[in-house]
Structures are given as C-alpha cells and as structure tokens.
C-alpha cells in the first residue's frame, strides 16, 4: 500500500525541506509539490517527496484523521502501514550508518511517472 504522511515544514532550502512527522525529523524533496511551501506549512509526504501542500483549512482534519489511524489496534493493517512509514523515517534519521543517497530531480521525475502526473 502506498501511504502519504502529513508533516510540518520546519525549514526550506531550495528544493528540500526539513519536515517534522510527530517528532521524527526528515529531509523531504519539494520537486513534486503542487504549490510553494514555506516554514510552518504542512505537506503530505510520499517516499521522501512532498506531493501536496495541505491547505490551512484542512490541517486539523487531516492530522485528526491520521492520529485516529495510529490509534488502531495491533492487528489494524492501515495503522501498521502508517507506523511503518513513520518508523522508517525515524530509523533513517537516527542511524548514522545509513549510506543512502538523498532523493534528486531524477527521483522526482520517476515519482511523477509512477503517479501518472504530467507537469
């Protein structure tokens, strides 16, 4: 299952942003986001890319929805997918031995192709 996760932008530097996902800090690419993003905005992240800036009028509803999904029981598959996404971000942000290249413009093009989005 593909799952986007909302997070709050804490800093923007060109085409990357530092984003806080319930205390997990992660660098996210901005190549594919649907409109400009500033510090304090909320975005929907999918595999390291901001795919949508969440409008201010939808932030509370979106966060409430995701928090309710995280509150399900241990056998709840949707909760498990969401927690896996958050945990994956946590392990990457705390594991000094991870030698993974950051996402780049080619990764952004690949994601747009995968999602069948023409820009």
N, C-alpha and C. Protein backbone atom coordinates (compact mmCIF):
# COMPACT_ATOMS: atom_id res chain seq x y z
N UNK A 1 0.85 -1.17 0.00
CA UNK A 1 0.00 0.00 0.00
C UNK A 1 0.89 1.23 0.00
N UNK A 2 0.55 2.21 -0.81
CA UNK A 2 1.25 3.49 -0.80
C UNK A 2 0.54 4.41 0.16
N UNK A 3 1.31 5.05 1.00
CA UNK A 3 0.70 5.88 2.02
C UNK A 3 1.46 7.18 2.14
N UNK A 4 0.76 8.30 2.06
CA UNK A 4 1.35 9.60 2.29
C UNK A 4 1.19 9.95 3.76
N UNK A 5 2.14 10.68 4.30
CA UNK A 5 2.11 11.04 5.72
C UNK A 5 2.23 12.55 5.84
N UNK A 6 1.35 13.19 6.63
CA UNK A 6 1.45 14.64 6.81
C UNK A 6 2.57 15.00 7.78
N UNK A 7 3.18 16.15 7.53
CA UNK A 7 4.22 16.65 8.43
C UNK A 7 4.32 18.16 8.30
N UNK A 8 4.93 18.79 9.32
CA UNK A 8 5.07 20.25 9.32
C UNK A 8 6.47 20.64 8.90
N UNK A 9 6.54 21.54 7.92
CA UNK A 9 7.81 22.03 7.41
C UNK A 9 8.44 22.94 8.46
N UNK A 10 9.70 22.65 8.80
CA UNK A 10 10.41 23.49 9.78
C UNK A 10 11.43 24.40 9.13
N UNK A 11 11.89 24.03 7.92
CA UNK A 11 12.88 24.85 7.21
C UNK A 11 12.86 24.48 5.74
N UNK A 12 13.01 25.48 4.87
CA UNK A 12 13.07 25.25 3.43
C UNK A 12 14.42 25.75 2.91
N UNK A 13 15.06 24.92 2.08
CA UNK A 13 16.34 25.29 1.47
C UNK A 13 16.29 24.85 0.01
N UNK A 14 15.86 25.76 -0.87
CA UNK A 14 15.77 25.42 -2.28
C UNK A 14 14.70 24.39 -2.52
N UNK A 15 15.12 23.24 -3.05
CA UNK A 15 14.17 22.17 -3.36
C UNK A 15 14.10 21.10 -2.28
N UNK A 16 14.59 21.40 -1.10
CA UNK A 16 14.47 20.47 0.03
C UNK A 16 13.88 21.20 1.23
N UNK A 17 13.27 20.42 2.10
CA UNK A 17 12.70 20.98 3.32
C UNK A 17 12.93 20.00 4.46
N UNK A 18 13.15 20.54 5.65
CA UNK A 18 13.17 19.74 6.86
C UNK A 18 11.73 19.69 7.36
N UNK A 19 11.25 18.47 7.63
CA UNK A 19 9.86 18.28 8.00
C UNK A 19 9.78 17.45 9.28
N UNK A 20 8.86 17.82 10.15
CA UNK A 20 8.64 17.13 11.42
C UNK A 20 7.38 16.27 11.29
N UNK A 21 7.57 14.95 11.45
CA UNK A 21 6.47 13.99 11.42
C UNK A 21 6.30 13.43 12.83
N UNK A 22 5.47 14.05 13.65
CA UNK A 22 5.22 13.61 15.02
C UNK A 22 6.53 13.38 15.77
N UNK A 23 7.44 14.32 15.67
CA UNK A 23 8.71 14.24 16.38
C UNK A 23 9.84 13.61 15.59
N UNK A 24 9.54 13.01 14.45
CA UNK A 24 10.56 12.43 13.58
C UNK A 24 10.90 13.48 12.54
N UNK A 25 12.17 13.87 12.49
CA UNK A 25 12.63 14.88 11.54
C UNK A 25 13.18 14.20 10.30
N UNK A 26 12.79 14.71 9.13
CA UNK A 26 13.22 14.09 7.89
C UNK A 26 13.37 15.16 6.82
N UNK A 27 14.36 14.98 5.94
CA UNK A 27 14.51 15.88 4.79
C UNK A 27 13.62 15.36 3.67
N UNK A 28 12.86 16.27 3.06
CA UNK A 28 11.90 15.93 2.03
C UNK A 28 12.17 16.78 0.79
N UNK A 29 12.06 16.19 -0.38
CA UNK A 29 12.23 16.92 -1.64
C UNK A 29 10.94 17.68 -1.97
N UNK A 30 11.10 18.84 -2.61
CA UNK A 30 9.95 19.68 -2.97
C UNK A 30 9.71 19.72 -4.47
N UNK A 31 10.39 18.90 -5.25
CA UNK A 31 10.27 18.91 -6.71
C UNK A 31 8.85 18.68 -7.20
N UNK A 32 8.07 17.88 -6.50
CA UNK A 32 6.77 17.44 -6.99
C UNK A 32 5.59 18.07 -6.28
N UNK A 33 5.84 18.95 -5.33
CA UNK A 33 4.74 19.54 -4.57
C UNK A 33 3.89 20.43 -5.47
N UNK A 34 2.61 20.52 -5.17
CA UNK A 34 1.67 21.20 -6.04
C UNK A 34 1.68 22.73 -5.95
N UNK A 35 2.32 23.29 -4.93
CA UNK A 35 2.41 24.74 -4.82
C UNK A 35 3.56 25.10 -3.86
N UNK A 36 4.00 26.36 -3.85
CA UNK A 36 5.13 26.74 -2.99
C UNK A 36 4.89 26.40 -1.51
N UNK A 37 5.98 26.05 -0.84
CA UNK A 37 5.94 25.64 0.56
C UNK A 37 6.85 26.54 1.37
N UNK A 38 6.38 26.93 2.56
CA UNK A 38 7.17 27.76 3.47
C UNK A 38 7.24 27.08 4.83
N UNK A 39 8.18 27.52 5.64
CA UNK A 39 8.28 27.04 7.01
C UNK A 39 6.95 27.27 7.72
N UNK A 40 6.48 26.25 8.43
CA UNK A 40 5.20 26.33 9.12
C UNK A 40 4.07 25.65 8.37
N UNK A 41 4.24 25.47 7.04
CA UNK A 41 3.22 24.78 6.25
C UNK A 41 3.22 23.30 6.59
N UNK A 42 2.11 22.65 6.28
CA UNK A 42 2.02 21.19 6.37
C UNK A 42 1.99 20.63 4.96
N UNK A 43 2.69 19.51 4.77
CA UNK A 43 2.74 18.85 3.48
C UNK A 43 2.33 17.39 3.65
N UNK A 44 1.97 16.77 2.54
CA UNK A 44 1.74 15.34 2.51
C UNK A 44 2.96 14.73 1.84
N UNK A 45 3.67 13.86 2.54
CA UNK A 45 4.92 13.26 2.08
C UNK A 45 4.66 11.84 1.59
N UNK A 46 5.29 11.52 0.45
CA UNK A 46 5.25 10.14 -0.05
C UNK A 46 6.65 9.79 -0.52
N UNK A 47 7.24 8.78 0.08
CA UNK A 47 8.58 8.28 -0.22
C UNK A 47 9.62 9.40 -0.36
N UNK A 48 9.59 10.35 0.55
CA UNK A 48 10.61 11.39 0.56
C UNK A 48 10.31 12.61 -0.28
N UNK A 49 9.12 12.68 -0.86
CA UNK A 49 8.72 13.82 -1.68
C UNK A 49 7.44 14.44 -1.13
N UNK A 50 7.42 15.76 -1.07
CA UNK A 50 6.19 16.47 -0.73
C UNK A 50 5.33 16.45 -1.98
N UNK A 51 4.17 15.82 -1.92
CA UNK A 51 3.32 15.72 -3.10
C UNK A 51 2.15 16.70 -3.04
N UNK A 52 1.93 17.30 -1.87
CA UNK A 52 0.82 18.24 -1.74
C UNK A 52 1.05 19.11 -0.52
N UNK A 53 0.81 20.42 -0.67
CA UNK A 53 0.76 21.30 0.49
C UNK A 53 -0.66 21.21 1.01
N UNK A 54 -0.79 20.92 2.30
CA UNK A 54 -2.12 20.80 2.89
C UNK A 54 -2.64 22.20 3.18
N UNK A 55 -3.79 22.57 2.61
CA UNK A 55 -4.35 23.90 2.87
C UNK A 55 -4.61 24.09 4.37
N UNK A 56 -4.41 25.30 4.83
CA UNK A 56 -4.58 25.59 6.27
C UNK A 56 -5.95 25.15 6.78
N UNK A 57 -6.97 25.28 5.94
CA UNK A 57 -8.33 24.91 6.36
C UNK A 57 -8.51 23.40 6.55
N UNK A 58 -7.55 22.59 6.05
CA UNK A 58 -7.65 21.13 6.14
C UNK A 58 -6.67 20.50 7.13
N UNK A 59 -5.80 21.30 7.73
CA UNK A 59 -4.74 20.75 8.58
C UNK A 59 -5.31 20.00 9.78
N UNK A 60 -6.19 20.63 10.55
CA UNK A 60 -6.72 19.97 11.75
C UNK A 60 -7.44 18.67 11.41
N UNK A 61 -8.26 18.69 10.37
CA UNK A 61 -8.99 17.50 9.96
C UNK A 61 -8.03 16.39 9.52
N UNK A 62 -7.01 16.77 8.76
CA UNK A 62 -6.04 15.79 8.27
C UNK A 62 -5.26 15.16 9.42
N UNK A 63 -4.76 15.99 10.34
CA UNK A 63 -3.99 15.45 11.47
C UNK A 63 -4.86 14.57 12.36
N UNK A 64 -6.11 14.98 12.57
CA UNK A 64 -7.03 14.18 13.38
C UNK A 64 -7.26 12.81 12.74
N UNK A 65 -7.43 12.81 11.41
CA UNK A 65 -7.63 11.55 10.70
C UNK A 65 -6.43 10.63 10.87
N UNK A 66 -5.23 11.16 10.66
CA UNK A 66 -4.02 10.33 10.79
C UNK A 66 -3.80 9.86 12.22
N UNK A 67 -4.08 10.73 13.19
CA UNK A 67 -3.92 10.32 14.58
C UNK A 67 -4.91 9.22 14.94
N UNK A 68 -6.11 9.28 14.37
CA UNK A 68 -7.08 8.21 14.63
C UNK A 68 -6.62 6.90 14.01
N UNK A 69 -5.96 6.97 12.84
CA UNK A 69 -5.44 5.75 12.21
C UNK A 69 -4.32 5.15 13.04
N UNK A 70 -3.53 5.99 13.70
CA UNK A 70 -2.42 5.48 14.51
C UNK A 70 -2.92 4.90 15.82
N UNK A 71 -4.16 5.15 16.18
CA UNK A 71 -4.69 4.67 17.45
C UNK A 71 -5.34 3.30 17.36
N UNK A 72 -5.36 2.69 16.16
CA UNK A 72 -5.97 1.38 15.99
C UNK A 72 -5.20 0.30 16.74
N UNK A 73 -5.78 -0.86 16.81
CA UNK A 73 -5.15 -1.98 17.49
C UNK A 73 -3.98 -2.54 16.71
N UNK A 74 -3.22 -3.45 17.31
CA UNK A 74 -2.02 -4.00 16.68
C UNK A 74 -2.32 -4.80 15.41
N UNK A 75 -3.57 -5.26 15.23
CA UNK A 75 -3.92 -6.02 14.03
C UNK A 75 -4.50 -5.14 12.92
N UNK A 76 -4.54 -3.83 13.14
CA UNK A 76 -5.08 -2.89 12.17
C UNK A 76 -4.01 -2.65 11.09
N UNK A 77 -4.26 -3.13 9.86
CA UNK A 77 -3.25 -3.06 8.79
C UNK A 77 -2.97 -1.62 8.37
N UNK A 78 -3.98 -0.75 8.36
CA UNK A 78 -3.75 0.64 8.00
C UNK A 78 -2.86 1.31 9.03
N UNK A 79 -3.12 1.05 10.31
CA UNK A 79 -2.28 1.60 11.38
C UNK A 79 -0.85 1.09 11.22
N UNK A 80 -0.71 -0.19 10.92
CA UNK A 80 0.62 -0.77 10.77
C UNK A 80 1.38 -0.13 9.61
N UNK A 81 0.70 0.11 8.47
CA UNK A 81 1.35 0.78 7.34
C UNK A 81 1.81 2.18 7.72
N UNK A 82 0.96 2.92 8.41
CA UNK A 82 1.31 4.28 8.82
C UNK A 82 2.48 4.27 9.79
N UNK A 83 2.45 3.38 10.77
CA UNK A 83 3.53 3.31 11.74
C UNK A 83 4.83 2.85 11.07
N UNK A 84 4.75 1.96 10.09
CA UNK A 84 5.95 1.54 9.35
C UNK A 84 6.58 2.73 8.64
N UNK A 85 5.74 3.59 8.05
CA UNK A 85 6.25 4.77 7.34
C UNK A 85 6.95 5.71 8.32
N UNK A 86 6.34 5.96 9.48
CA UNK A 86 6.94 6.84 10.48
C UNK A 86 8.21 6.21 11.04
N UNK A 87 8.19 4.92 11.32
CA UNK A 87 9.37 4.23 11.85
C UNK A 87 10.50 4.22 10.83
N UNK A 88 10.18 4.06 9.56
CA UNK A 88 11.22 4.09 8.52
C UNK A 88 11.92 5.44 8.52
N UNK A 89 11.15 6.50 8.68
CA UNK A 89 11.75 7.84 8.75
C UNK A 89 12.60 7.96 10.00
N UNK A 90 12.13 7.42 11.11
CA UNK A 90 12.88 7.51 12.36
C UNK A 90 14.19 6.76 12.25
N UNK A 91 14.18 5.55 11.69
CA UNK A 91 15.41 4.77 11.62
C UNK A 91 16.42 5.43 10.70
N UNK A 92 15.97 6.06 9.63
CA UNK A 92 16.90 6.74 8.74
C UNK A 92 17.47 7.98 9.38
N UNK A 93 16.67 8.67 10.20
CA UNK A 93 17.16 9.91 10.79
C UNK A 93 18.06 9.66 11.98
N UNK A 94 18.03 8.46 12.55
CA UNK A 94 18.86 8.20 13.73
C UNK A 94 19.99 7.22 13.48
N UNK A 95 20.01 6.58 12.31
CA UNK A 95 21.03 5.58 12.02
C UNK A 95 22.18 6.22 11.25
N UNK A 96 23.30 6.43 11.93
CA UNK A 96 24.45 7.08 11.30
C UNK A 96 25.10 6.23 10.23
N UNK A 97 24.81 4.92 10.22
CA UNK A 97 25.46 4.04 9.26
C UNK A 97 24.71 3.94 7.94
N UNK A 98 23.54 4.55 7.84
CA UNK A 98 22.79 4.50 6.58
C UNK A 98 23.55 5.32 5.55
N UNK A 99 23.89 4.69 4.44
CA UNK A 99 24.66 5.34 3.39
C UNK A 99 23.80 5.47 2.14
N UNK A 100 22.63 6.06 2.30
CA UNK A 100 21.68 6.20 1.20
C UNK A 100 21.79 7.60 0.62
N UNK A 101 21.82 7.67 -0.72
CA UNK A 101 21.88 8.98 -1.36
C UNK A 101 20.53 9.67 -1.20
N UNK A 102 20.54 11.00 -1.00
CA UNK A 102 19.28 11.71 -0.90
C UNK A 102 18.57 11.71 -2.25
N UNK A 103 17.26 11.87 -2.21
CA UNK A 103 16.48 11.93 -3.45
C UNK A 103 16.94 13.11 -4.29
N UNK A 104 16.80 12.97 -5.61
CA UNK A 104 17.22 14.05 -6.50
C UNK A 104 16.15 14.29 -7.56
N UNK A 105 16.46 15.15 -8.54
CA UNK A 105 15.49 15.51 -9.57
C UNK A 105 15.04 14.29 -10.38
N UNK A 106 15.94 13.34 -10.65
CA UNK A 106 15.55 12.14 -11.39
C UNK A 106 14.54 11.33 -10.58
N UNK A 107 14.74 11.25 -9.27
CA UNK A 107 13.79 10.55 -8.43
C UNK A 107 12.42 11.24 -8.49
N UNK A 108 12.42 12.57 -8.56
CA UNK A 108 11.17 13.33 -8.67
C UNK A 108 10.46 12.98 -9.97
N UNK A 109 11.19 12.93 -11.08
CA UNK A 109 10.60 12.57 -12.36
C UNK A 109 10.05 11.15 -12.32
N UNK A 110 10.79 10.22 -11.71
CA UNK A 110 10.33 8.84 -11.60
C UNK A 110 9.03 8.76 -10.80
N UNK A 111 8.94 9.52 -9.70
CA UNK A 111 7.73 9.52 -8.88
C UNK A 111 6.55 10.08 -9.67
N UNK A 112 6.77 11.17 -10.39
CA UNK A 112 5.69 11.74 -11.21
C UNK A 112 5.21 10.72 -12.24
N UNK A 113 6.14 9.99 -12.86
CA UNK A 113 5.75 8.94 -13.82
C UNK A 113 4.96 7.85 -13.12
N UNK A 114 5.43 7.43 -11.96
CA UNK A 114 4.76 6.36 -11.21
C UNK A 114 3.34 6.76 -10.84
N UNK A 115 3.16 8.02 -10.46
CA UNK A 115 1.83 8.50 -10.08
C UNK A 115 1.02 8.97 -11.27
N UNK A 116 1.59 8.85 -12.49
CA UNK A 116 0.95 9.28 -13.73
C UNK A 116 0.51 10.74 -13.67
N UNK A 117 1.45 11.61 -13.26
CA UNK A 117 1.21 13.05 -13.17
C UNK A 117 2.05 13.73 -14.23
N UNK A 118 1.40 14.52 -15.06
CA UNK A 118 2.11 15.29 -16.09
C UNK A 118 2.20 16.74 -15.63
N UNK A 119 3.43 17.25 -15.57
CA UNK A 119 3.65 18.64 -15.12
C UNK A 119 4.10 19.47 -16.29
